[in-house]
Amino acid sequence: MLKKVFGVVLVCVAVGTISPLRAEILEQVLVKVNGDIVTKTEFEKRQVAELRQRQELANANQAQLNKAIADVTPDLILSSIDDLLLVQRGRELGYTMSDEQFKQVVDNIKKQNNLEDEDKFQAALKQEGMTMADLKKELEKQMLISRVQQTDVMDKISVTEDEAKAFYAAHRNEFTTPSEITLREILIEVPASDKGINVAADDAAKEKALEVKNRIMGGEPFAKVAGEISTSPSKANGGLIGPVKYDELSPALQKLVDGMKIGDISAPIRTTSGYQLFKLESRSDTKVRTFEDARDDISRKVAEEKSRTEMLKYIDKLREQATITWQNDELKKAYDQALAKRHQQLEQADQQASNQAKS
């Protein structure tokens, strides 16, 4: 319930096949960042929370869980330190969550989760393994991170005309609405036989298809006849198919509709199932939004792309100024691995941006 609002899952570590922590190591420090610490308890909560979001692990055995933990640990420890650096920056800037702000957020959580009754709300908190103090700490953390991201990074991002045009040229498909086709069909099925095609049955089905077309050409509604005659599942909807993207049609069907006008009825077509009649209900042309028409969307998309890259660069600056002291060598190796991977991704993003600017 509450985890849907927070965007994180806060759970007790002693669940499933993960053994409870011994009392003597509950507060083991893994790393210090400018004096603030990440404890083993806190980090294992993040690990379990991450695994619980992965449905494919619902019935995993211990070996699979161990592998999953090893896979997620590098990115999790990196993000843990990222969050801590941003929270510290928020405090440095004087951001806090007042009691009134906390109350407003809690009231919204109660309303969104139908938990206006205080007893139900407290029960939901307990189910998530949280106290009100835990809740306030988590909400204040998210608020601090969001405020720092907005004021120190996103508010300083601008999009130039050249950047917008380069993005439009490289992502024109995102501003293209493909042609769509809506058809109606009637299928006259030819019974399958292990002995091959039954010529008589095939001829009878073809003759019936021709009779059906004559009925429609004589004025009977296609949808009504489809509901009476067709053996296709689409008969329940008057034979309606679509709308479907033109590019998703088979080459044979593309060729057929290319020669039809809206309202046309095709001749009976032999398919693997039998004989089909098609009516072209509607067709929309491919449309490409102009640069001017899409300008606002382009600017937003470019800003989003730049913000992701600039945020990581910003956190790197905070990291360079920080004092990080490790108490766990294996976790430091995982952290270094994730950080190296991120720097490689940043280099690739910078190279891609440079190539777009030149094109």
Protein backbone atom coordinates (compact mmCIF):
# COMPACT_ATOMS: atom_id res chain seq x y z
CA MET A 1 0.00 0.00 0.00
CA LEU A 2 2.29 2.75 1.25
CA LYS A 3 5.18 1.57 -0.90
CA LYS A 4 3.23 2.60 -4.01
CA VAL A 5 3.29 6.18 -2.77
CA PHE A 6 6.89 6.28 -1.68
CA GLY A 7 8.36 4.62 -4.75
CA VAL A 8 10.49 2.50 -2.42
CA VAL A 9 9.87 -0.63 -0.39
CA LEU A 10 10.87 -0.54 3.26
CA VAL A 11 10.75 -4.01 4.74
CA CYS A 12 12.28 -6.07 7.49
CA VAL A 13 15.35 -8.04 6.46
CA ALA A 14 14.38 -11.22 8.28
CA VAL A 15 12.00 -12.57 5.63
CA GLY A 16 11.82 -15.48 3.21
CA THR A 17 15.09 -17.35 2.89
CA ILE A 18 17.25 -14.46 4.06
CA SER A 19 18.40 -15.12 7.60
CA PRO A 20 17.84 -12.57 10.37
CA LEU A 21 20.81 -10.46 11.34
CA ARG A 22 22.51 -11.35 14.60
CA ALA A 23 22.10 -8.73 17.30
CA GLU A 24 25.81 -8.09 17.55
CA ILE A 25 26.08 -6.90 13.91
CA LEU A 26 22.85 -4.93 13.58
CA GLU A 27 24.73 -1.63 13.54
CA GLN A 28 27.81 -2.70 11.62
CA VAL A 29 29.02 0.29 9.60
CA LEU A 30 29.73 -0.40 5.94
CA VAL A 31 30.84 3.04 4.80
CA LYS A 32 31.09 6.59 6.13
CA VAL A 33 30.31 9.56 3.88
CA ASN A 34 31.32 12.90 5.37
CA GLY A 35 30.65 11.43 8.80
CA ASP A 36 27.22 10.00 7.95
CA ILE A 37 27.05 6.22 7.83
CA VAL A 38 25.47 3.40 5.87
CA THR A 39 24.86 0.45 8.18
CA LYS A 40 24.56 -3.18 7.28
CA THR A 41 20.95 -3.16 8.48
CA GLU A 42 20.02 -0.23 6.24
CA PHE A 43 21.75 -1.66 3.19
CA GLU A 44 20.27 -5.14 3.58
CA LYS A 45 16.83 -3.54 3.73
CA ARG A 46 17.55 -1.95 0.35
CA GLN A 47 18.71 -5.26 -1.06
CA VAL A 48 15.59 -7.10 0.09
CA ALA A 49 13.36 -4.25 -1.08
CA GLU A 50 14.93 -4.45 -4.53
CA LEU A 51 14.46 -8.22 -4.73
CA ARG A 52 10.83 -8.00 -3.64
CA GLN A 53 10.08 -5.79 -6.63
CA ARG A 54 11.20 -8.56 -8.98
CA GLN A 55 8.30 -10.92 -9.57
CA GLU A 56 10.52 -13.48 -11.28
CA LEU A 57 12.16 -14.14 -7.89
CA ALA A 58 8.90 -15.00 -6.09
CA ASN A 59 9.71 -18.72 -6.10
CA ALA A 60 13.49 -18.46 -6.31
CA ASN A 61 15.74 -20.84 -4.39
CA GLN A 62 18.64 -19.74 -2.20
CA ALA A 63 21.22 -19.96 -5.00
CA GLN A 64 19.09 -17.79 -7.27
CA LEU A 65 18.55 -15.26 -4.48
CA ASN A 66 22.27 -15.11 -3.76
CA LYS A 67 23.00 -14.44 -7.44
CA ALA A 68 20.30 -11.78 -7.59
CA ILE A 69 21.75 -10.06 -4.52
CA ALA A 70 25.22 -10.11 -6.06
CA ASP A 71 23.81 -8.63 -9.28
CA VAL A 72 21.96 -5.73 -7.65
CA THR A 73 24.54 -4.85 -4.99
CA PRO A 74 26.90 -2.68 -7.11
CA ASP A 75 24.16 -0.32 -8.30
CA LEU A 76 22.47 -0.31 -4.91
CA ILE A 77 25.55 0.73 -2.95
CA LEU A 78 26.31 3.39 -5.56
CA SER A 79 22.78 4.79 -5.33
CA SER A 80 22.92 4.64 -1.51
CA ILE A 81 25.94 6.92 -1.49
CA ASP A 82 24.42 9.14 -4.22
CA ASP A 83 21.34 9.62 -2.05
CA LEU A 84 23.42 10.38 1.01
CA LEU A 85 25.44 13.02 -0.87
CA LEU A 86 22.26 14.69 -2.14
CA VAL A 87 20.64 14.65 1.31
CA GLN A 88 23.77 16.22 2.79
CA ARG A 89 23.70 18.89 0.10
CA GLY A 90 20.04 19.58 0.87
CA ARG A 91 20.80 20.08 4.53
CA GLU A 92 23.71 22.31 3.60
CA LEU A 93 21.27 24.47 1.60
CA GLY A 94 18.97 24.66 4.62
CA TYR A 95 16.14 22.50 3.34
CA THR A 96 13.99 20.78 5.96
CA MET A 97 10.57 19.19 6.15
CA SER A 98 8.39 21.03 8.64
CA ASP A 99 5.84 19.27 10.79
CA GLU A 100 3.10 20.94 8.76
CA GLN A 101 4.58 19.71 5.46
CA PHE A 102 4.88 16.21 6.89
CA LYS A 103 1.27 16.29 8.03
CA GLN A 104 0.09 17.38 4.57
CA VAL A 105 2.00 14.56 2.88
CA VAL A 106 0.71 11.99 5.36
CA ASP A 107 -2.85 13.23 4.83
CA ASN A 108 -2.38 12.76 1.06
CA ILE A 109 -1.01 9.25 1.60
CA LYS A 110 -4.00 8.36 3.76
CA LYS A 111 -6.42 9.71 1.17
CA GLN A 112 -4.77 8.03 -1.81
CA ASN A 113 -4.66 4.68 -0.01
CA ASN A 114 -8.12 4.92 1.59
CA LEU A 115 -6.56 4.94 5.06
CA GLU A 116 -8.23 7.97 6.63
CA ASP A 117 -9.00 5.84 9.69
CA GLU A 118 -5.97 6.27 11.97
CA ASP A 119 -6.02 2.68 13.21
CA LYS A 120 -5.95 1.37 9.64
CA PHE A 121 -3.11 3.74 8.79
CA GLN A 122 -1.05 2.60 11.77
CA ALA A 123 -1.74 -1.02 10.85
CA ALA A 124 -0.51 -0.34 7.31
CA LEU A 125 2.65 1.27 8.68
CA LYS A 126 3.27 -1.75 10.88
CA GLN A 127 2.75 -4.07 7.92
CA GLU A 128 5.50 -2.19 6.08
CA GLY A 129 7.78 -2.48 9.11
CA MET A 130 7.73 1.29 9.69
CA THR A 131 7.07 3.77 12.47
CA MET A 132 5.97 7.39 12.02
CA ALA A 133 9.58 8.38 12.65
CA ASP A 134 10.72 6.06 9.85
CA LEU A 135 8.09 7.51 7.56
CA LYS A 136 9.12 11.10 8.24
CA LYS A 137 12.79 10.24 7.73
CA GLU A 138 12.06 8.62 4.36
CA LEU A 139 9.77 11.43 3.17
CA GLU A 140 12.25 14.11 4.24
CA LYS A 141 15.02 12.25 2.42
CA GLN A 142 12.98 12.20 -0.78
CA MET A 143 12.07 15.87 -0.38
CA LEU A 144 15.71 16.90 0.12
CA ILE A 145 16.87 14.92 -2.91
CA SER A 146 14.09 16.34 -5.08
CA ARG A 147 14.77 19.94 -4.03
CA VAL A 148 18.51 19.62 -4.71
CA GLN A 149 17.89 18.03 -8.10
CA GLN A 150 15.51 20.81 -9.05
CA THR A 151 17.47 23.84 -7.82
CA ASP A 152 21.05 22.75 -8.49
CA VAL A 153 20.54 20.88 -11.76
CA MET A 154 17.18 21.00 -13.54
CA ASP A 155 16.57 24.74 -13.12
CA LYS A 156 19.95 25.40 -14.76
CA ILE A 157 19.35 23.29 -17.86
CA SER A 158 18.60 25.08 -21.11
CA VAL A 159 17.95 23.70 -24.59
CA THR A 160 19.45 25.49 -27.60
CA GLU A 161 17.86 25.64 -31.03
CA ASP A 162 20.65 23.50 -32.48
CA GLU A 163 20.16 20.84 -29.78
CA ALA A 164 16.42 20.74 -30.42
CA LYS A 165 16.88 20.40 -34.19
CA ALA A 166 19.52 17.70 -33.78
CA PHE A 167 17.18 15.72 -31.52
CA TYR A 168 14.30 16.10 -33.97
CA ALA A 169 16.44 14.85 -36.85
CA ALA A 170 17.67 11.84 -34.83
CA HIS A 171 14.25 10.90 -33.41
CA ARG A 172 11.87 11.75 -36.24
CA ASN A 173 10.05 8.45 -35.74
CA GLU A 174 8.93 9.64 -32.29
CA PHE A 175 7.00 12.45 -33.99
CA THR A 176 5.52 10.23 -36.70
CA THR A 177 2.04 8.73 -36.58
CA PRO A 178 2.05 5.66 -38.83
CA SER A 179 -0.74 4.86 -41.26
CA GLU A 180 -3.49 2.74 -39.72
CA ILE A 181 -6.03 0.47 -41.36
CA THR A 182 -9.44 -0.69 -40.12
CA LEU A 183 -11.01 -3.67 -41.89
CA ARG A 184 -13.97 -5.97 -41.58
CA GLU A 185 -13.65 -9.62 -42.51
CA ILE A 186 -15.81 -12.62 -43.22
CA LEU A 187 -14.19 -16.04 -43.14
CA ILE A 188 -15.74 -19.04 -44.86
CA GLU A 189 -13.71 -21.87 -43.37
CA VAL A 190 -12.58 -24.88 -45.39
CA PRO A 191 -12.43 -27.96 -43.12
CA ALA A 192 -8.89 -29.29 -42.74
CA SER A 193 -8.13 -32.91 -43.66
CA ASP A 194 -5.13 -35.16 -43.06
CA LYS A 195 -5.57 -36.36 -46.66
CA GLY A 196 -4.99 -32.89 -48.08
CA ILE A 197 -7.36 -30.45 -49.73
CA ASN A 198 -10.89 -31.66 -50.27
CA VAL A 199 -11.65 -30.17 -53.67
CA ALA A 200 -15.40 -30.39 -53.25
CA ALA A 201 -15.30 -28.69 -49.83
CA ASP A 202 -12.99 -26.01 -51.19
CA ASP A 203 -15.26 -25.32 -54.17
CA ALA A 204 -18.30 -25.17 -51.87
CA ALA A 205 -16.60 -22.65 -49.57
CA LYS A 206 -15.59 -20.50 -52.54
CA GLU A 207 -19.11 -20.59 -53.91
CA LYS A 208 -20.51 -19.60 -50.51
CA ALA A 209 -18.03 -16.70 -50.30
CA LEU A 210 -19.22 -15.44 -53.69
CA GLU A 211 -22.83 -15.68 -52.54
CA VAL A 212 -21.97 -13.73 -49.39
CA LYS A 213 -20.35 -10.99 -51.44
CA ASN A 214 -23.43 -10.78 -53.66
CA ARG A 215 -25.62 -10.35 -50.58
CA ILE A 216 -23.45 -7.48 -49.38
CA MET A 217 -23.28 -5.86 -52.80
CA GLY A 218 -27.05 -6.16 -52.85
CA GLY A 219 -27.30 -3.91 -49.82
CA GLU A 220 -27.01 -6.10 -46.72
CA PRO A 221 -24.71 -4.62 -44.05
CA PHE A 222 -21.27 -6.27 -43.98
CA ALA A 223 -21.24 -6.36 -40.16
CA LYS A 224 -24.64 -8.10 -40.05
CA VAL A 225 -23.62 -10.76 -42.56
CA ALA A 226 -20.29 -11.27 -40.77
CA GLY A 227 -22.14 -11.91 -37.51
CA GLU A 228 -24.31 -14.53 -39.22
CA ILE A 229 -21.88 -16.27 -41.58
CA SER A 230 -18.24 -15.75 -40.57
CA THR A 231 -16.33 -18.47 -38.71
CA SER A 232 -13.65 -16.04 -37.54
CA PRO A 233 -13.61 -14.92 -33.85
CA SER A 234 -14.11 -11.36 -35.16
CA LYS A 235 -17.73 -12.26 -36.02
CA ALA A 236 -18.65 -11.27 -32.46
CA ASN A 237 -17.73 -7.70 -33.40
CA GLY A 238 -19.22 -7.66 -36.87
CA GLY A 239 -15.95 -8.85 -38.41
CA LEU A 240 -14.08 -5.74 -37.22
CA ILE A 241 -10.27 -5.83 -37.34
CA GLY A 242 -8.23 -2.90 -36.11
CA PRO A 243 -7.23 -0.28 -36.29
CA VAL A 244 -3.85 -1.85 -37.01
CA LYS A 245 -0.66 -0.21 -38.24
CA TYR A 246 -0.22 -0.62 -41.98
CA ASP A 247 3.36 -1.86 -41.47
CA GLU A 248 2.05 -4.71 -39.31
CA LEU A 249 -0.12 -6.15 -42.09
CA SER A 250 1.17 -9.10 -44.09
CA PRO A 251 2.62 -8.19 -47.51
CA ALA A 252 -0.34 -9.89 -49.22
CA LEU A 253 -2.85 -7.89 -47.19
CA GLN A 254 -0.92 -4.67 -47.80
CA LYS A 255 -1.10 -5.32 -51.54
CA LEU A 256 -4.82 -6.00 -51.27
CA VAL A 257 -5.72 -2.81 -49.35
CA ASP A 258 -3.44 -0.71 -51.56
CA GLY A 259 -5.87 -1.34 -54.41
CA MET A 260 -9.00 -0.58 -52.37
CA LYS A 261 -10.92 2.59 -51.57
CA ILE A 262 -12.84 3.21 -48.36
CA GLY A 263 -15.99 1.06 -48.45
CA ASP A 264 -14.69 -1.35 -51.10
CA ILE A 265 -15.34 -5.09 -50.72
CA SER A 266 -12.62 -7.45 -51.88
CA ALA A 267 -13.11 -10.57 -53.98
CA PRO A 268 -12.94 -13.83 -51.97
CA ILE A 269 -9.28 -14.45 -51.06
CA ARG A 270 -8.00 -17.98 -50.44
CA THR A 271 -6.06 -18.15 -47.17
CA THR A 272 -4.76 -21.03 -45.06
CA SER A 273 -8.10 -21.19 -43.19
CA GLY A 274 -10.49 -20.79 -46.10
CA TYR A 275 -11.95 -17.93 -48.13
CA GLN A 276 -12.01 -14.42 -46.76
CA LEU A 277 -13.82 -11.25 -47.79
CA PHE A 278 -12.52 -7.89 -46.64
CA LYS A 279 -14.13 -4.48 -46.42
CA LEU A 280 -11.90 -1.41 -46.04
CA GLU A 281 -13.51 0.62 -43.26
CA SER A 282 -10.95 3.39 -42.84
CA ARG A 283 -7.37 4.33 -43.60
CA SER A 284 -5.26 7.10 -42.08
CA ASP A 285 -2.19 8.48 -43.79
CA THR A 286 1.24 8.61 -42.19
CA LYS A 287 1.65 11.97 -40.49
CA VAL A 288 4.88 13.64 -39.37
CA ARG A 289 4.66 16.51 -36.91
CA THR A 290 6.67 19.54 -38.00
CA PHE A 291 9.53 20.80 -35.89
CA GLU A 292 7.56 23.89 -34.94
CA ASP A 293 4.52 21.89 -33.94
CA ALA A 294 6.62 19.53 -31.81
CA ARG A 295 8.94 22.19 -30.39
CA ASP A 296 7.64 22.01 -26.79
CA ASP A 297 7.79 18.22 -26.70
CA ILE A 298 11.26 18.26 -28.21
CA SER A 299 12.52 20.74 -25.63
CA ARG A 300 11.07 18.65 -22.82
CA LYS A 301 12.64 15.43 -24.12
CA VAL A 302 16.04 17.07 -24.64
CA ALA A 303 15.88 18.60 -21.16
CA GLU A 304 15.05 15.20 -19.67
CA GLU A 305 18.00 13.60 -21.44
CA LYS A 306 20.35 16.37 -20.37
CA SER A 307 19.06 16.30 -16.79
CA ARG A 308 19.91 12.62 -16.39
CA THR A 309 23.46 13.20 -17.58
CA GLU A 310 23.93 16.48 -15.73
CA MET A 311 22.58 14.97 -12.50
CA LEU A 312 25.19 12.22 -12.59
CA LYS A 313 27.92 14.77 -13.28
CA TYR A 314 26.65 16.88 -10.41
CA ILE A 315 26.74 13.94 -8.02
CA ASP A 316 30.29 13.21 -9.19
CA LYS A 317 31.29 16.73 -8.11
CA LEU A 318 29.75 16.13 -4.69
CA ARG A 319 31.61 12.81 -4.56
CA GLU A 320 34.95 14.46 -5.37
CA GLN A 321 34.48 16.85 -2.47
CA ALA A 322 33.36 14.15 -0.04
CA THR A 323 35.34 12.03 2.37
CA ILE A 324 34.29 8.42 1.87
CA THR A 325 35.71 5.84 4.28
CA TRP A 326 35.05 2.17 3.61
CA GLN A 327 34.70 -0.49 6.31
CA ASN A 328 33.92 -3.33 3.89
CA ASP A 329 36.39 -4.15 1.11
CA GLU A 330 34.01 -6.34 -0.92
CA LEU A 331 31.36 -3.65 -0.95
CA LYS A 332 33.95 -1.08 -2.04
CA LYS A 333 34.84 -3.31 -5.01
CA ALA A 334 31.17 -3.47 -5.96
CA TYR A 335 30.90 0.31 -5.63
CA ASP A 336 33.99 0.88 -7.80
CA GLN A 337 32.56 -1.50 -10.41
CA ALA A 338 29.27 0.39 -10.62
CA LEU A 339 31.01 3.76 -10.66
CA ALA A 340 33.29 2.71 -13.53
CA LYS A 341 30.25 1.49 -15.48
CA ARG A 342 28.50 4.83 -14.90
CA HIS A 343 31.52 6.84 -16.07
CA GLN A 344 31.64 4.73 -19.22
CA GLN A 345 27.95 5.48 -19.86
CA LEU A 346 28.57 9.19 -19.32
CA GLU A 347 31.41 9.15 -21.84
CA GLN A 348 29.15 7.43 -24.37
CA ALA A 349 26.38 9.98 -23.72
CA ASP A 350 28.81 12.87 -24.21
CA GLN A 351 30.10 11.31 -27.43
CA GLN A 352 26.57 10.80 -28.73
CA ALA A 353 25.65 14.41 -27.91
CA SER A 354 28.78 15.59 -29.69
CA ASN A 355 27.97 13.53 -32.78
CA GLN A 356 24.42 14.87 -32.89
CA ALA A 357 25.68 18.44 -32.63
CA LYS A 358 27.99 17.88 -35.61
CA SER A 359 25.36 16.21 -37.80
